[in-house]
N, C-alpha and C. Protein backbone atom coordinates (compact mmCIF):
# COMPACT_ATOMS: atom_id res chain seq x y z
N MET A 1 -32.35 8.07 35.16
CA MET A 1 -31.79 7.54 34.39
C MET A 1 -32.97 6.90 33.70
N ALA A 2 -32.42 7.46 31.83
CA ALA A 2 -33.67 6.60 30.43
C ALA A 2 -33.55 5.24 31.11
N LYS A 3 -34.77 4.63 30.45
CA LYS A 3 -34.79 3.33 30.54
C LYS A 3 -34.07 2.64 29.38
N ARG A 4 -33.66 2.01 29.04
CA ARG A 4 -32.81 1.41 28.07
C ARG A 4 -33.44 1.09 27.07
N PRO A 5 -33.86 1.36 25.56
CA PRO A 5 -34.36 0.36 24.40
C PRO A 5 -34.23 -1.35 24.51
N ALA A 6 -35.17 -2.18 24.31
CA ALA A 6 -34.87 -3.56 24.17
C ALA A 6 -34.59 -4.20 23.27
N LEU A 7 -33.29 -5.10 23.49
CA LEU A 7 -32.57 -5.26 22.71
C LEU A 7 -32.81 -5.84 21.16
N ASP A 8 -33.71 -6.17 20.70
CA ASP A 8 -34.27 -6.55 19.45
C ASP A 8 -34.23 -4.25 19.14
N GLU A 9 -34.87 -3.81 19.19
CA GLU A 9 -34.43 -2.80 18.80
C GLU A 9 -33.44 -1.70 19.27
N GLU A 10 -32.68 -2.05 19.68
CA GLU A 10 -31.26 -1.71 19.86
C GLU A 10 -30.78 -2.61 18.95
N ILE A 11 -30.67 -3.41 18.62
CA ILE A 11 -30.08 -4.16 17.30
C ILE A 11 -30.21 -3.77 15.97
N GLU A 12 -31.78 -3.29 15.41
CA GLU A 12 -32.21 -2.50 14.71
C GLU A 12 -31.79 -1.43 14.49
N LYS A 13 -31.22 -0.63 15.35
CA LYS A 13 -30.75 0.72 15.69
C LYS A 13 -29.24 0.57 15.41
N LEU A 14 -28.89 -0.77 15.42
CA LEU A 14 -27.55 -0.37 15.13
C LEU A 14 -26.82 -0.91 13.70
N THR A 15 -28.12 -1.69 13.21
CA THR A 15 -28.06 -2.50 11.97
C THR A 15 -28.23 -0.91 11.39
N ARG A 16 -29.24 -0.24 11.29
CA ARG A 16 -29.33 1.15 10.24
C ARG A 16 -28.14 2.22 9.82
N LEU A 17 -27.53 2.30 11.79
CA LEU A 17 -25.54 2.72 11.49
C LEU A 17 -25.15 2.07 10.72
N ALA A 18 -24.57 0.93 10.69
CA ALA A 18 -23.97 0.37 10.19
C ALA A 18 -23.79 0.05 8.57
N ALA A 19 -25.36 -0.44 7.80
CA ALA A 19 -26.06 0.20 6.86
C ALA A 19 -25.70 1.79 6.62
N ALA A 20 -26.17 2.61 7.30
CA ALA A 20 -25.42 3.91 6.60
C ALA A 20 -23.89 4.18 6.71
N LYS A 21 -22.79 3.35 6.98
CA LYS A 21 -21.80 3.37 7.07
C LYS A 21 -21.14 2.67 5.72
N GLY A 22 -21.91 1.42 5.09
CA GLY A 22 -21.88 0.43 3.85
C GLY A 22 -21.80 -0.70 4.61
N ALA A 23 -21.85 -1.40 5.71
CA ALA A 23 -21.85 -2.26 6.14
C ALA A 23 -22.76 -3.42 6.40
N HIS A 24 -22.66 -4.59 6.54
CA HIS A 24 -24.15 -4.90 6.74
C HIS A 24 -23.90 -6.42 7.90
N VAL A 25 -25.26 -6.23 8.92
CA VAL A 25 -25.09 -6.61 10.41
C VAL A 25 -25.76 -7.95 10.50
N ALA A 26 -25.82 -8.76 11.04
CA ALA A 26 -26.10 -10.54 10.67
C ALA A 26 -25.72 -10.33 12.87
N ARG A 27 -27.58 -10.83 13.21
CA ARG A 27 -27.43 -10.97 14.72
C ARG A 27 -26.72 -12.39 15.10
N ILE A 28 -26.04 -12.36 15.98
CA ILE A 28 -25.48 -13.42 16.25
C ILE A 28 -25.64 -13.92 17.37
N PRO A 29 -25.98 -15.24 18.09
CA PRO A 29 -26.22 -15.49 19.93
C PRO A 29 -25.22 -15.97 20.43
N ALA A 30 -24.29 -15.81 21.51
CA ALA A 30 -22.56 -15.43 21.97
C ALA A 30 -22.44 -16.72 21.95
N GLY A 31 -22.68 -17.83 21.70
CA GLY A 31 -22.42 -19.06 22.31
C GLY A 31 -22.27 -19.83 21.01
N GLU A 32 -22.56 -19.32 20.07
CA GLU A 32 -21.99 -19.28 18.54
C GLU A 32 -20.60 -19.22 17.68
N ILE A 33 -20.24 -18.03 18.68
CA ILE A 33 -19.00 -17.22 18.30
C ILE A 33 -17.65 -18.78 19.02
N VAL A 34 -16.98 -18.94 17.73
CA VAL A 34 -15.71 -19.97 17.34
C VAL A 34 -14.79 -19.75 17.84
N VAL A 35 -14.39 -19.89 19.00
CA VAL A 35 -12.86 -19.32 19.60
C VAL A 35 -11.47 -20.81 19.28
N ALA A 36 -10.42 -20.91 18.85
CA ALA A 36 -10.31 -21.94 18.55
C ALA A 36 -8.34 -21.46 19.59
N GLU A 37 -7.92 -22.11 19.73
CA GLU A 37 -6.06 -22.37 19.54
C GLU A 37 -5.39 -22.13 19.12
N TRP A 38 -5.81 -22.74 17.53
CA TRP A 38 -5.64 -22.46 16.48
C TRP A 38 -4.85 -21.21 15.61
N VAL A 39 -6.19 -20.46 16.00
CA VAL A 39 -6.21 -18.71 15.38
C VAL A 39 -4.45 -17.80 15.87
N ARG A 40 -4.57 -17.94 17.02
CA ARG A 40 -3.62 -17.58 18.12
C ARG A 40 -2.19 -18.20 16.91
N PHE A 41 -1.78 -19.33 16.90
CA PHE A 41 -0.80 -20.03 16.14
C PHE A 41 -0.79 -19.36 14.72
N LYS A 42 -1.75 -18.66 13.86
CA LYS A 42 -1.84 -18.22 12.77
C LYS A 42 -1.40 -16.44 13.01
N CYS A 43 -1.46 -16.19 13.85
CA CYS A 43 -0.71 -15.17 14.65
C CYS A 43 0.67 -14.72 14.89
N ARG A 44 1.12 -15.64 15.70
CA ARG A 44 2.41 -15.62 15.97
C ARG A 44 3.17 -16.62 14.84
N PHE A 45 2.78 -17.09 14.33
CA PHE A 45 3.86 -17.78 13.35
C PHE A 45 3.00 -17.66 12.06
N GLY A 46 3.73 -16.57 10.64
CA GLY A 46 2.67 -16.00 9.67
C GLY A 46 2.64 -14.66 9.56
N CYS A 47 2.32 -13.80 10.86
CA CYS A 47 1.89 -12.66 9.97
C CYS A 47 2.82 -11.98 10.64
N LYS A 48 2.98 -10.76 8.99
CA LYS A 48 3.64 -9.72 9.56
C LYS A 48 3.78 -8.75 10.84
N GLY A 49 2.38 -8.80 10.81
CA GLY A 49 2.08 -7.48 12.19
C GLY A 49 2.50 -8.68 14.08
N TYR A 50 2.82 -9.31 13.97
CA TYR A 50 3.25 -9.83 15.28
C TYR A 50 3.84 -8.67 15.93
N GLY A 51 3.07 -8.79 16.97
CA GLY A 51 3.95 -8.00 17.86
C GLY A 51 4.11 -6.99 17.10
N LYS A 52 3.77 -6.13 16.72
CA LYS A 52 4.15 -4.47 16.34
C LYS A 52 3.14 -3.50 16.68
N HIS A 53 1.62 -4.36 17.29
CA HIS A 53 0.72 -3.52 17.47
C HIS A 53 -0.01 -3.94 19.09
N LEU A 54 -0.50 -3.16 19.60
CA LEU A 54 -1.39 -3.35 20.92
C LEU A 54 -2.61 -3.68 20.67
N SER A 55 -3.25 -4.18 19.69
CA SER A 55 -4.09 -4.12 18.89
C SER A 55 -4.31 -6.36 18.88
N CYS A 56 -2.44 -6.31 18.98
CA CYS A 56 -2.59 -7.73 18.28
C CYS A 56 -1.93 -8.66 19.22
N PRO A 57 -2.11 -9.59 19.12
CA PRO A 57 -1.15 -10.83 19.92
C PRO A 57 0.38 -10.00 19.76
N PRO A 58 1.40 -10.44 21.08
CA PRO A 58 0.83 -11.40 21.66
C PRO A 58 0.19 -10.09 23.01
N TYR A 59 -0.23 -9.40 23.05
CA TYR A 59 -0.98 -7.96 23.51
C TYR A 59 -2.68 -8.06 23.76
N THR A 60 -2.73 -9.26 22.84
CA THR A 60 -4.09 -9.21 23.68
C THR A 60 -4.74 -10.50 24.25
N PRO A 61 -5.71 -10.54 24.45
CA PRO A 61 -6.08 -11.06 25.77
C PRO A 61 -6.03 -13.44 24.96
N THR A 62 -6.02 -14.55 25.66
CA THR A 62 -5.49 -15.53 24.85
C THR A 62 -7.05 -16.30 24.25
N PRO A 63 -6.90 -17.79 23.80
CA PRO A 63 -8.70 -17.38 23.54
C PRO A 63 -9.29 -17.80 24.58
N SER A 64 -8.25 -19.02 25.91
CA SER A 64 -8.95 -19.67 27.00
C SER A 64 -9.48 -18.00 27.78
N GLU A 65 -9.18 -16.59 28.09
CA GLU A 65 -9.82 -15.93 28.47
C GLU A 65 -10.58 -15.04 27.14
N THR A 66 -10.88 -14.68 26.43
CA THR A 66 -12.18 -14.32 24.94
C THR A 66 -12.81 -15.75 24.97
N ARG A 67 -13.12 -17.30 25.95
CA ARG A 67 -13.72 -17.88 25.79
C ARG A 67 -15.15 -18.24 27.04
N ARG A 68 -14.33 -17.05 28.35
CA ARG A 68 -14.67 -16.63 29.25
C ARG A 68 -15.41 -15.56 28.86
N MET A 69 -14.62 -14.61 28.66
CA MET A 69 -14.95 -13.84 27.95
C MET A 69 -16.33 -13.72 27.49
N VAL A 70 -16.74 -14.28 26.64
CA VAL A 70 -17.94 -14.15 25.46
C VAL A 70 -18.65 -15.03 26.61
N ALA A 71 -18.40 -15.62 27.36
CA ALA A 71 -19.94 -16.73 27.44
C ALA A 71 -20.36 -15.41 29.47
N GLU A 72 -19.87 -14.22 29.15
CA GLU A 72 -20.34 -13.23 29.95
C GLU A 72 -21.94 -12.62 28.98
N TYR A 73 -21.51 -13.12 28.00
CA TYR A 73 -22.88 -12.71 26.37
C TYR A 73 -23.67 -13.47 26.23
N ASP A 74 -25.31 -12.94 25.94
CA ASP A 74 -25.52 -14.04 24.92
C ASP A 74 -25.83 -13.53 23.89
N THR A 75 -25.71 -11.82 23.92
CA THR A 75 -25.78 -11.81 21.77
C THR A 75 -24.82 -11.07 21.09
N GLY A 76 -24.18 -11.52 19.82
CA GLY A 76 -23.65 -10.42 19.63
C GLY A 76 -24.29 -10.15 18.11
N ILE A 77 -22.91 -9.18 17.71
CA ILE A 77 -23.56 -8.54 15.92
C ILE A 77 -22.61 -9.23 15.10
N LEU A 78 -22.55 -9.69 13.53
CA LEU A 78 -21.71 -9.27 13.33
C LEU A 78 -21.57 -8.51 11.59
N ILE A 79 -20.43 -8.34 11.89
CA ILE A 79 -20.74 -6.72 10.85
C ILE A 79 -19.32 -7.41 9.39
N ARG A 80 -19.83 -6.73 8.33
CA ARG A 80 -19.25 -7.54 7.46
C ARG A 80 -19.53 -6.08 6.78
N PHE A 81 -17.71 -5.88 6.27
CA PHE A 81 -17.47 -4.87 5.05
C PHE A 81 -17.18 -5.95 4.03
N ASP A 82 -17.62 -5.01 2.89
CA ASP A 82 -17.81 -5.70 1.36
C ASP A 82 -16.29 -5.03 0.88
N GLY A 83 -15.57 -5.81 0.39
CA GLY A 83 -14.73 -4.46 -0.57
C GLY A 83 -13.60 -3.80 -0.26
N ILE A 84 -12.34 -3.16 -1.00
CA ILE A 84 -11.41 -2.13 -0.39
C ILE A 84 -12.05 -0.80 -0.49
N PRO A 85 -12.63 0.08 0.32
CA PRO A 85 -12.30 1.49 -0.46
C PRO A 85 -11.55 1.93 -1.24
N GLY A 86 -11.32 2.75 -2.15
CA GLY A 86 -10.73 3.31 -2.88
C GLY A 86 -9.73 2.62 -4.52
N HIS A 87 -10.07 0.89 -3.71
CA HIS A 87 -9.09 0.07 -4.92
C HIS A 87 -10.42 -0.75 -5.41
N PRO A 88 -11.27 -0.50 -6.16
CA PRO A 88 -12.63 -1.48 -6.68
C PRO A 88 -11.80 -2.83 -7.23
N ASP A 89 -10.69 -2.12 -8.52
CA ASP A 89 -10.56 -3.44 -9.21
C ASP A 89 -8.87 -3.21 -9.30
N LEU A 90 -8.76 -3.93 -7.82
CA LEU A 90 -7.51 -4.25 -6.84
C LEU A 90 -6.58 -5.45 -7.78
N LYS A 91 -4.83 -5.08 -7.98
CA LYS A 91 -4.56 -5.78 -9.11
C LYS A 91 -3.08 -6.14 -8.21
N PRO A 92 -2.07 -7.52 -7.84
CA PRO A 92 -1.71 -7.53 -7.21
C PRO A 92 0.15 -6.59 -7.39
N GLU A 93 -0.01 -5.82 -8.92
CA GLU A 93 1.28 -5.40 -8.76
C GLU A 93 0.93 -4.06 -8.11
N GLU A 94 -0.51 -3.78 -7.94
CA GLU A 94 -0.09 -2.70 -6.99
C GLU A 94 0.32 -2.82 -5.77
N ILE A 95 0.01 -3.86 -5.02
CA ILE A 95 0.00 -3.37 -3.35
C ILE A 95 1.51 -3.90 -3.23
N PRO A 96 2.02 -3.18 -2.11
CA PRO A 96 3.30 -2.35 -1.93
C PRO A 96 4.32 -3.59 -1.12
N VAL A 97 5.17 -4.14 -0.95
CA VAL A 97 5.75 -5.36 0.18
C VAL A 97 5.10 -4.73 1.36
N ASP A 98 4.99 -3.14 2.45
CA ASP A 98 4.36 -3.01 3.58
C ASP A 98 3.07 -2.91 3.53
N PHE A 99 2.36 -3.50 2.98
CA PHE A 99 0.87 -3.31 2.73
C PHE A 99 -0.38 -2.86 3.47
N HIS A 100 0.61 -2.72 4.95
CA HIS A 100 -0.33 -2.42 5.93
C HIS A 100 -0.80 -1.08 5.89
N PRO A 101 -0.06 -0.14 6.00
CA PRO A 101 -0.25 1.23 5.39
C PRO A 101 -1.71 0.80 4.32
N PHE A 102 -1.09 0.69 2.84
CA PHE A 102 -1.91 0.01 1.31
C PHE A 102 -3.16 0.07 1.71
N PHE A 103 -4.05 -0.16 2.95
CA PHE A 103 -5.06 -0.78 3.27
C PHE A 103 -5.85 0.14 4.55
N ARG A 104 -5.20 1.27 4.52
CA ARG A 104 -5.37 2.57 5.87
C ARG A 104 -6.88 2.21 6.00
N ASP A 105 -7.18 3.07 4.75
CA ASP A 105 -8.89 3.32 4.68
C ASP A 105 -10.39 1.70 4.56
N LEU A 106 -9.69 0.38 4.93
CA LEU A 106 -10.66 -0.20 5.15
C LEU A 106 -10.47 -0.62 6.88
N ILE A 107 -8.88 -0.59 6.90
CA ILE A 107 -8.98 -1.00 8.39
C ILE A 107 -9.79 0.11 9.01
N LEU A 108 -9.35 1.55 8.73
CA LEU A 108 -10.33 2.41 9.70
C LEU A 108 -11.64 2.92 9.44
N TRP A 109 -12.46 2.00 8.24
CA TRP A 109 -13.63 1.38 8.08
C TRP A 109 -14.31 0.45 9.15
N SER A 110 -13.10 -0.73 8.98
CA SER A 110 -13.63 -1.69 9.60
C SER A 110 -13.68 -1.91 11.43
N HIS A 111 -12.47 -0.88 12.40
CA HIS A 111 -12.64 0.04 13.55
C HIS A 111 -13.75 0.69 13.32
N THR A 112 -13.61 2.25 13.01
CA THR A 112 -14.44 2.98 13.24
C THR A 112 -15.94 3.14 13.37
N THR A 113 -16.01 2.16 12.61
CA THR A 113 -17.89 1.61 12.47
C THR A 113 -18.15 0.78 13.71
N THR A 114 -17.09 -0.59 13.86
CA THR A 114 -17.28 -0.81 14.55
C THR A 114 -17.74 -0.35 16.74
N HIS A 115 -16.51 1.14 16.37
CA HIS A 115 -16.75 1.25 17.81
C HIS A 115 -17.97 2.40 18.18
N LEU A 116 -18.19 2.91 16.38
CA LEU A 116 -19.49 3.53 16.72
C LEU A 116 -20.18 2.87 17.22
N LEU A 117 -20.82 1.22 17.12
CA LEU A 117 -21.79 0.36 17.21
C LEU A 117 -21.82 0.34 18.84
N GLU A 118 -20.53 0.01 19.56
CA GLU A 118 -20.39 -0.92 20.75
C GLU A 118 -20.44 1.32 21.55
N LYS A 119 -20.13 2.12 20.55
CA LYS A 119 -20.17 3.38 21.53
C LYS A 119 -21.72 3.65 21.67
N THR A 120 -22.77 3.38 20.65
CA THR A 120 -24.03 4.17 20.72
C THR A 120 -24.70 3.14 22.06
N ALA A 121 -24.63 1.41 21.38
CA ALA A 121 -24.72 0.69 22.09
C ALA A 121 -24.74 0.96 24.38
N PHE A 122 -23.43 1.44 23.98
CA PHE A 122 -22.90 1.81 25.73
C PHE A 122 -23.94 3.06 26.02
N TYR A 123 -24.07 4.40 25.30
CA TYR A 123 -24.57 5.30 26.08
C TYR A 123 -26.31 5.20 25.40
N ASP A 124 -26.70 3.72 25.28
CA ASP A 124 -28.56 3.68 25.05
C ASP A 124 -28.83 2.19 26.30
N GLY A 125 -27.63 2.19 27.42
CA GLY A 125 -27.54 1.67 28.72
C GLY A 125 -26.78 0.24 28.14
N PHE A 126 -26.76 -0.32 27.39
CA PHE A 126 -26.63 -1.69 27.02
C PHE A 126 -24.76 -2.02 27.61
N TYR A 127 -24.49 -1.15 28.67
CA TYR A 127 -22.86 -0.99 29.42
C TYR A 127 -22.23 -2.09 28.94
N LYS A 128 -22.89 -3.07 28.53
CA LYS A 128 -21.72 -4.56 28.34
C LYS A 128 -20.86 -4.44 27.17
N ALA A 129 -20.89 -3.24 26.09
CA ALA A 129 -21.51 -3.73 24.67
C ALA A 129 -19.52 -3.86 24.34
N PHE A 130 -19.31 -4.49 23.82
CA PHE A 130 -17.42 -4.28 23.41
C PHE A 130 -17.31 -4.92 21.82
N GLY A 131 -16.94 -4.33 21.47
CA GLY A 131 -16.55 -3.81 20.14
C GLY A 131 -14.89 -5.26 19.95
N PHE A 132 -14.68 -6.00 18.64
CA PHE A 132 -13.66 -6.35 17.73
C PHE A 132 -14.20 -5.96 16.82
N GLY A 133 -12.60 -5.48 16.08
CA GLY A 133 -12.82 -4.81 14.80
C GLY A 133 -12.38 -6.43 14.57
N ALA A 134 -11.49 -5.59 13.06
CA ALA A 134 -10.31 -6.95 12.18
C ALA A 134 -8.93 -6.37 11.51
N TYR A 135 -8.56 -6.91 11.71
CA TYR A 135 -6.72 -6.24 11.43
C TYR A 135 -5.98 -5.34 11.97
N PRO A 136 -4.41 -5.50 12.02
CA PRO A 136 -3.95 -4.71 12.97
C PRO A 136 -4.34 -3.41 12.88
N CYS A 137 -4.40 -2.60 14.22
CA CYS A 137 -4.96 -0.89 14.27
C CYS A 137 -3.70 -0.28 13.33
N ILE A 138 -4.40 1.27 12.89
CA ILE A 138 -3.77 1.89 12.05
C ILE A 138 -3.98 2.78 12.34
N PHE A 139 -4.90 3.04 13.88
CA PHE A 139 -5.00 5.08 13.86
C PHE A 139 -3.58 5.55 14.28
N CYS A 140 -2.56 4.96 14.51
CA CYS A 140 -1.45 6.61 14.38
C CYS A 140 -0.63 6.09 12.37
N GLU A 141 -1.30 7.25 11.97
CA GLU A 141 -0.66 7.52 10.76
C GLU A 141 0.08 7.85 10.37
N HIS A 142 0.95 8.51 10.59
CA HIS A 142 2.15 8.63 10.72
C HIS A 142 3.85 8.74 11.16
N GLU A 143 2.93 7.28 12.64
CA GLU A 143 4.27 7.01 13.48
C GLU A 143 3.70 5.63 13.48
N HIS A 144 4.98 4.65 13.81
CA HIS A 144 4.42 2.78 14.52
C HIS A 144 3.83 2.79 15.41
N CYS A 145 3.21 2.14 16.01
CA CYS A 145 2.41 1.37 16.77
C CYS A 145 3.68 2.28 18.43
N VAL A 146 3.37 2.15 19.64
CA VAL A 146 4.32 2.27 20.23
C VAL A 146 5.54 1.35 20.68
N ALA A 147 4.53 -0.20 20.58
CA ALA A 147 4.71 -1.32 20.92
C ALA A 147 6.18 -1.87 19.71
N GLU A 148 5.75 -1.58 18.92
CA GLU A 148 6.33 -1.69 17.68
C GLU A 148 7.90 -0.75 17.67
N GLU A 149 8.15 0.21 18.16
CA GLU A 149 8.86 1.55 18.38
C GLU A 149 9.64 0.91 19.22
N MET A 150 9.39 -0.02 20.23
CA MET A 150 9.99 0.27 21.75
C MET A 150 11.33 -1.03 21.35
N GLU A 151 12.32 -1.54 21.50
CA GLU A 151 13.40 -1.78 21.97
C GLU A 151 12.87 -3.62 22.72
N GLY A 152 13.46 -4.47 22.21
CA GLY A 152 13.34 -5.55 23.67
C GLY A 152 11.99 -6.41 23.51
N ILE A 153 11.64 -6.49 24.84
CA ILE A 153 10.49 -7.30 25.38
C ILE A 153 10.32 -6.55 25.42
N VAL A 154 8.23 -6.32 24.93
CA VAL A 154 7.54 -5.61 25.28
C VAL A 154 6.56 -5.61 26.33
N ASP A 155 6.10 -5.39 27.24
CA ASP A 155 5.33 -5.73 28.40
C ASP A 155 4.09 -5.03 28.46
N GLU A 156 2.71 -5.55 29.08
CA GLU A 156 1.94 -4.63 28.69
C GLU A 156 1.36 -3.23 29.55
N SER A 157 2.78 -2.74 30.49
CA SER A 157 2.82 -1.72 31.15
C SER A 157 2.44 -1.44 29.61
N VAL A 158 3.44 -1.63 28.31
CA VAL A 158 3.45 0.11 27.33
C VAL A 158 2.11 0.34 26.77
N ARG A 159 1.37 0.09 27.03
CA ARG A 159 -0.30 -0.03 26.84
C ARG A 159 -0.93 1.87 27.09
N ARG A 160 0.08 1.88 27.98
CA ARG A 160 -0.23 3.43 29.52
C ARG A 160 0.47 4.62 27.55
N LEU A 161 1.26 4.24 26.78
CA LEU A 161 1.92 4.94 25.83
C LEU A 161 1.14 5.50 24.47
N CYS A 162 0.07 4.18 24.63
CA CYS A 162 -0.47 4.21 23.60
C CYS A 162 -1.28 5.35 23.18
N ARG A 163 -0.90 5.86 22.39
CA ARG A 163 -1.82 7.21 21.29
C ARG A 163 -3.48 7.47 21.57
N HIS A 164 -3.69 6.57 21.50
CA HIS A 164 -5.53 5.90 20.69
C HIS A 164 -6.41 4.97 22.03
N LYS A 165 -5.78 5.16 23.29
CA LYS A 165 -6.05 4.66 24.03
C LYS A 165 -7.77 4.63 24.12
N ASP A 166 -8.31 4.87 23.26
CA ASP A 166 -9.93 5.21 23.74
C ASP A 166 -10.30 3.82 22.10
N LEU A 167 -10.20 4.82 21.98
CA LEU A 167 -9.96 3.59 20.15
C LEU A 167 -9.50 2.48 20.12
N VAL A 168 -8.96 2.16 20.30
CA VAL A 168 -8.12 0.36 19.99
C VAL A 168 -9.16 -0.15 20.71
N ARG A 169 -9.16 -1.05 20.02
CA ARG A 169 -10.12 -2.44 20.33
C ARG A 169 -8.97 -4.07 19.47
N PRO A 170 -9.41 -4.87 20.15
CA PRO A 170 -8.50 -6.04 19.55
C PRO A 170 -9.30 -6.19 18.31
N SER A 171 -8.45 -7.05 17.43
CA SER A 171 -9.41 -7.92 15.92
C SER A 171 -10.09 -8.76 16.68
N MET A 172 -11.28 -9.35 15.77
CA MET A 172 -11.36 -10.87 15.91
C MET A 172 -10.70 -11.77 16.17
N GLU A 173 -9.56 -12.17 15.33
CA GLU A 173 -8.39 -13.23 15.25
C GLU A 173 -7.34 -12.89 16.26
N ALA A 174 -7.47 -12.03 16.77
CA ALA A 174 -6.33 -11.48 17.97
C ALA A 174 -6.13 -12.47 19.20
N VAL A 175 -8.24 -12.22 18.93
CA VAL A 175 -8.60 -12.63 20.26
C VAL A 175 -8.41 -14.39 20.59
N GLY A 176 -8.65 -14.73 19.45
CA GLY A 176 -8.78 -16.45 19.38
C GLY A 176 -10.04 -16.82 18.02
N MET A 177 -10.85 -16.04 17.96
CA MET A 177 -12.11 -16.63 17.31
C MET A 177 -11.80 -16.59 15.77
N ASP A 178 -12.60 -17.96 15.79
CA ASP A 178 -12.49 -18.05 13.54
C ASP A 178 -13.40 -17.31 13.35
N VAL A 179 -13.17 -16.55 12.78
CA VAL A 179 -13.92 -15.27 11.72
C VAL A 179 -14.03 -16.52 10.86
N PHE A 180 -13.56 -17.60 10.05
CA PHE A 180 -14.38 -18.17 9.15
C PHE A 180 -15.74 -18.89 9.41
N ALA A 181 -15.48 -19.20 10.91
CA ALA A 181 -16.24 -20.40 11.33
C ALA A 181 -17.65 -20.20 11.63
N THR A 182 -17.06 -18.09 12.19
CA THR A 182 -18.58 -17.93 13.40
C THR A 182 -19.11 -17.09 12.07
N ALA A 183 -18.52 -16.65 10.91
CA ALA A 183 -19.22 -15.74 9.62
C ALA A 183 -20.05 -16.74 9.66
N GLY A 184 -20.17 -18.49 8.92
CA GLY A 184 -20.85 -19.61 8.57
C GLY A 184 -21.74 -19.44 9.48
N LYS A 185 -21.93 -19.13 10.58
CA LYS A 185 -23.23 -19.78 11.84
C LYS A 185 -23.96 -18.63 11.27
N VAL A 186 -23.82 -17.28 10.32
CA VAL A 186 -24.88 -16.55 10.23
C VAL A 186 -25.35 -16.83 8.64
N GLY A 187 -24.80 -17.74 7.50
CA GLY A 187 -24.61 -18.05 6.62
C GLY A 187 -24.02 -16.87 5.35
N TRP A 188 -23.24 -16.38 6.44
CA TRP A 188 -21.90 -16.13 5.84
C TRP A 188 -20.87 -16.81 4.90
N ASP A 189 -20.37 -16.74 3.16
CA ASP A 189 -19.14 -17.28 3.54
C ASP A 189 -18.02 -17.54 2.91
N LEU A 190 -16.85 -17.50 3.81
CA LEU A 190 -15.78 -16.51 3.32
C LEU A 190 -15.49 -17.77 2.94
N SER A 191 -14.46 -17.33 2.30
CA SER A 191 -12.81 -17.52 1.35
C SER A 191 -11.86 -17.71 1.37
N THR A 192 -11.12 -18.03 1.60
CA THR A 192 -9.19 -17.18 1.17
C THR A 192 -8.86 -16.60 -0.09
N ILE A 193 -8.54 -16.08 0.16
CA ILE A 193 -8.16 -14.80 -1.10
C ILE A 193 -7.21 -15.50 -1.71
N PRO A 194 -6.76 -16.20 -3.53
CA PRO A 194 -6.11 -16.30 -3.56
C PRO A 194 -4.88 -15.19 -4.04
N CYS A 195 -3.46 -15.48 -3.98
CA CYS A 195 -2.17 -14.20 -3.99
C CYS A 195 -1.39 -15.06 -5.03
N LYS A 196 -0.68 -13.57 -5.96
CA LYS A 196 -0.23 -14.28 -6.78
C LYS A 196 1.62 -14.99 -6.65
N ASP A 197 1.37 -15.86 -6.99
CA ASP A 197 3.00 -16.49 -6.75
C ASP A 197 2.31 -17.09 -5.49
N LEU A 198 1.90 -17.42 -4.70
CA LEU A 198 0.84 -17.48 -3.45
C LEU A 198 2.40 -16.41 -2.90
N GLU A 199 2.69 -15.57 -3.49
CA GLU A 199 3.53 -14.32 -2.48
C GLU A 199 2.35 -13.32 -1.43
N TYR A 200 3.03 -13.68 0.42
CA TYR A 200 2.18 -13.37 1.28
C TYR A 200 1.59 -11.92 0.87
N GLY A 201 0.53 -11.30 0.74
CA GLY A 201 -0.03 -9.86 1.03
C GLY A 201 -0.17 -10.16 -0.75
N LYS A 202 -0.09 -10.34 -2.06
CA LYS A 202 -0.41 -10.30 -3.37
C LYS A 202 -1.77 -10.53 -3.55
N ILE A 203 -3.10 -10.49 -3.16
CA ILE A 203 -4.10 -10.93 -3.37
C ILE A 203 -4.42 -10.68 -4.80
N VAL A 204 -5.39 -11.55 -5.12
CA VAL A 204 -5.38 -11.34 -6.78
C VAL A 204 -6.70 -10.43 -7.38
N HIS A 205 -7.65 -9.84 -6.40
CA HIS A 205 -8.96 -9.34 -6.37
C HIS A 205 -8.92 -8.12 -5.27
N GLY A 206 -9.74 -7.04 -5.29
CA GLY A 206 -10.23 -6.64 -4.16
C GLY A 206 -11.39 -7.08 -3.36
N ASP A 207 -12.44 -8.38 -4.23
CA ASP A 207 -13.43 -8.83 -3.98
C ASP A 207 -13.64 -9.43 -2.80
N ILE A 208 -13.30 -8.41 -1.34
CA ILE A 208 -12.46 -9.66 0.09
C ILE A 208 -14.12 -9.23 0.61
N HIS A 209 -14.23 -9.88 1.86
CA HIS A 209 -15.13 -9.51 2.83
C HIS A 209 -14.58 -9.56 4.65
N THR A 210 -14.63 -7.84 5.28
CA THR A 210 -13.96 -8.47 6.50
C THR A 210 -14.85 -8.11 7.47
N VAL A 211 -15.10 -8.92 8.64
CA VAL A 211 -16.01 -8.76 9.72
C VAL A 211 -15.58 -8.89 11.19
N GLY A 212 -16.15 -7.45 11.57
CA GLY A 212 -15.81 -7.47 13.35
C GLY A 212 -17.52 -7.76 13.88
N LEU A 213 -17.39 -7.45 15.03
CA LEU A 213 -18.28 -7.58 15.77
C LEU A 213 -18.40 -7.16 17.11
N VAL A 214 -20.12 -7.49 17.65
CA VAL A 214 -20.15 -6.23 18.64
C VAL A 214 -20.73 -7.33 19.94
N LEU A 215 -20.01 -7.44 21.05
CA LEU A 215 -21.14 -8.12 21.85
C LEU A 215 -21.64 -7.62 22.74
N LEU A 216 -22.87 -8.31 22.93
CA LEU A 216 -24.33 -7.14 23.86
C LEU A 216 -24.87 -7.61 24.59
N GLU A 217 -25.84 -7.16 25.70
CA GLU A 217 -26.04 -7.82 26.69
C GLU A 217 -27.36 -6.99 27.16
């Protein structure tokens, strides 16, 4: 079995891979990743995606589970994606009521890049590598997630029907990570985006920053 590279070398490699995908990387000690109970409340009350995607609550680990999992790692890399692909001059009037598909390219940019970095680290010998994307999953291009298609109470067993089990990862916020506070630990000053007439989803500009994470050991 080939000897795995040093962690610093691996992070340099992942940083180059991320840059090739148009993303930025910052190293963060795992102990500085902020996990809070209130984050899941924001998902549960106020998010249109709640219960509709297997990458989102209630199908994702709880904050307490996340804390225990993160404690098993020493290091993480935050991945930042700037802007919205295909919409450099976004206007709120362009955003439909069902805005999840409208941002498909942005969501896939985040999820596929994060997955690439996780997979690269895994095959380089960092077998504990695990990634977290951003936003609800959108790999099912022409269908709804199986969680949304099913009626009534949906339990964890529905995950066996996921069409993209190899690709789907939870978002940072879905597992209780405070993305704003965590990004601040590496000097990334994130802020909320104003929405026209305070209407949910009608953001007034496309100058947004999306953040993912890969944990390494």
